[in-house]
């Protein structure tokens, strides 16, 4: 994380960087894209992530995603 960035920006870059296939450059691009995007777009992304974590599970029988 760059020490010249505000802490929330660095934390988001770190969080994106922990995703598979996302390196530091892509994590930075995603973060700065969200900073420039309308608040509604960031809110929508955050809600979609939370909804998936709250409502979707892996079926123990067929291994498909299910509610």
Protein backbone atom coordinates (compact mmCIF):
# COMPACT_ATOMS: atom_id res chain seq x y z
CA UNK A 1 0.00 0.00 0.00
CA UNK A 2 1.21 3.49 -0.86
CA UNK A 3 1.79 5.51 2.31
CA UNK A 4 0.78 8.72 0.50
CA UNK A 5 -2.78 7.52 -0.09
CA UNK A 6 -5.57 8.03 2.41
CA UNK A 7 -6.07 4.93 4.57
CA UNK A 8 -9.51 3.97 3.10
CA UNK A 9 -8.09 4.08 -0.44
CA UNK A 10 -5.17 1.86 0.52
CA UNK A 11 -7.47 -0.57 2.31
CA UNK A 12 -9.69 -0.90 -0.76
CA UNK A 13 -6.68 -1.47 -3.01
CA UNK A 14 -5.49 -4.17 -0.58
CA UNK A 15 -8.97 -5.76 -0.52
CA UNK A 16 -9.21 -5.88 -4.32
CA UNK A 17 -5.65 -7.23 -4.45
CA UNK A 18 -6.67 -10.26 -2.36
CA UNK A 19 -9.11 -11.37 -5.08
CA UNK A 20 -7.83 -14.12 -7.39
CA UNK A 21 -6.30 -12.79 -10.59
CA UNK A 22 -6.21 -9.18 -9.36
CA UNK A 23 -2.73 -7.74 -9.07
CA UNK A 24 -1.71 -4.42 -7.54
CA UNK A 25 -2.17 -2.42 -10.77
CA UNK A 26 -5.66 -3.77 -11.42
CA UNK A 27 -6.60 -3.29 -7.76
CA UNK A 28 -5.53 0.36 -8.06
CA UNK A 29 -7.46 0.81 -11.31
CA UNK A 30 -10.63 -0.63 -9.78
CA UNK A 31 -10.28 1.56 -6.71
CA UNK A 32 -9.74 4.76 -8.67
CA UNK A 33 -12.60 3.85 -11.00
CA UNK A 34 -14.92 3.57 -7.98
CA UNK A 35 -13.65 6.89 -6.62
CA UNK A 36 -14.69 8.59 -9.87
CA UNK A 37 -17.97 6.66 -10.23
CA UNK A 38 -21.27 7.94 -8.88
CA UNK A 39 -21.98 6.96 -5.28
CA UNK A 40 -24.95 4.90 -6.47
CA UNK A 41 -22.63 2.64 -8.49
CA UNK A 42 -20.43 1.96 -5.46
CA UNK A 43 -23.51 1.39 -3.29
CA UNK A 44 -24.90 -1.07 -5.83
CA UNK A 45 -21.63 -3.02 -5.91
CA UNK A 46 -21.46 -3.14 -2.12
CA UNK A 47 -25.08 -4.34 -1.88
CA UNK A 48 -24.51 -7.03 -4.54
CA UNK A 49 -21.48 -8.38 -2.65
CA UNK A 50 -23.36 -8.45 0.65
CA UNK A 51 -26.42 -10.07 -0.92
CA UNK A 52 -24.34 -12.87 -2.44
CA UNK A 53 -22.65 -13.54 0.90
CA UNK A 54 -25.97 -13.51 2.78
CA UNK A 55 -28.20 -15.45 0.38
CA UNK A 56 -26.13 -17.78 -1.81
CA UNK A 57 -24.74 -21.14 -0.70
CA UNK A 58 -23.18 -24.15 -2.38
CA UNK A 59 -25.64 -27.05 -2.48
CA UNK A 60 -24.21 -30.00 -0.53
CA UNK A 61 -25.92 -32.48 -2.90
CA UNK A 62 -25.31 -31.13 -6.43
CA UNK A 63 -22.60 -28.49 -5.75
CA UNK A 64 -24.58 -25.83 -7.62
CA UNK A 65 -25.13 -22.32 -6.29
CA UNK A 66 -28.51 -21.89 -4.64
CA UNK A 67 -30.47 -19.58 -2.36
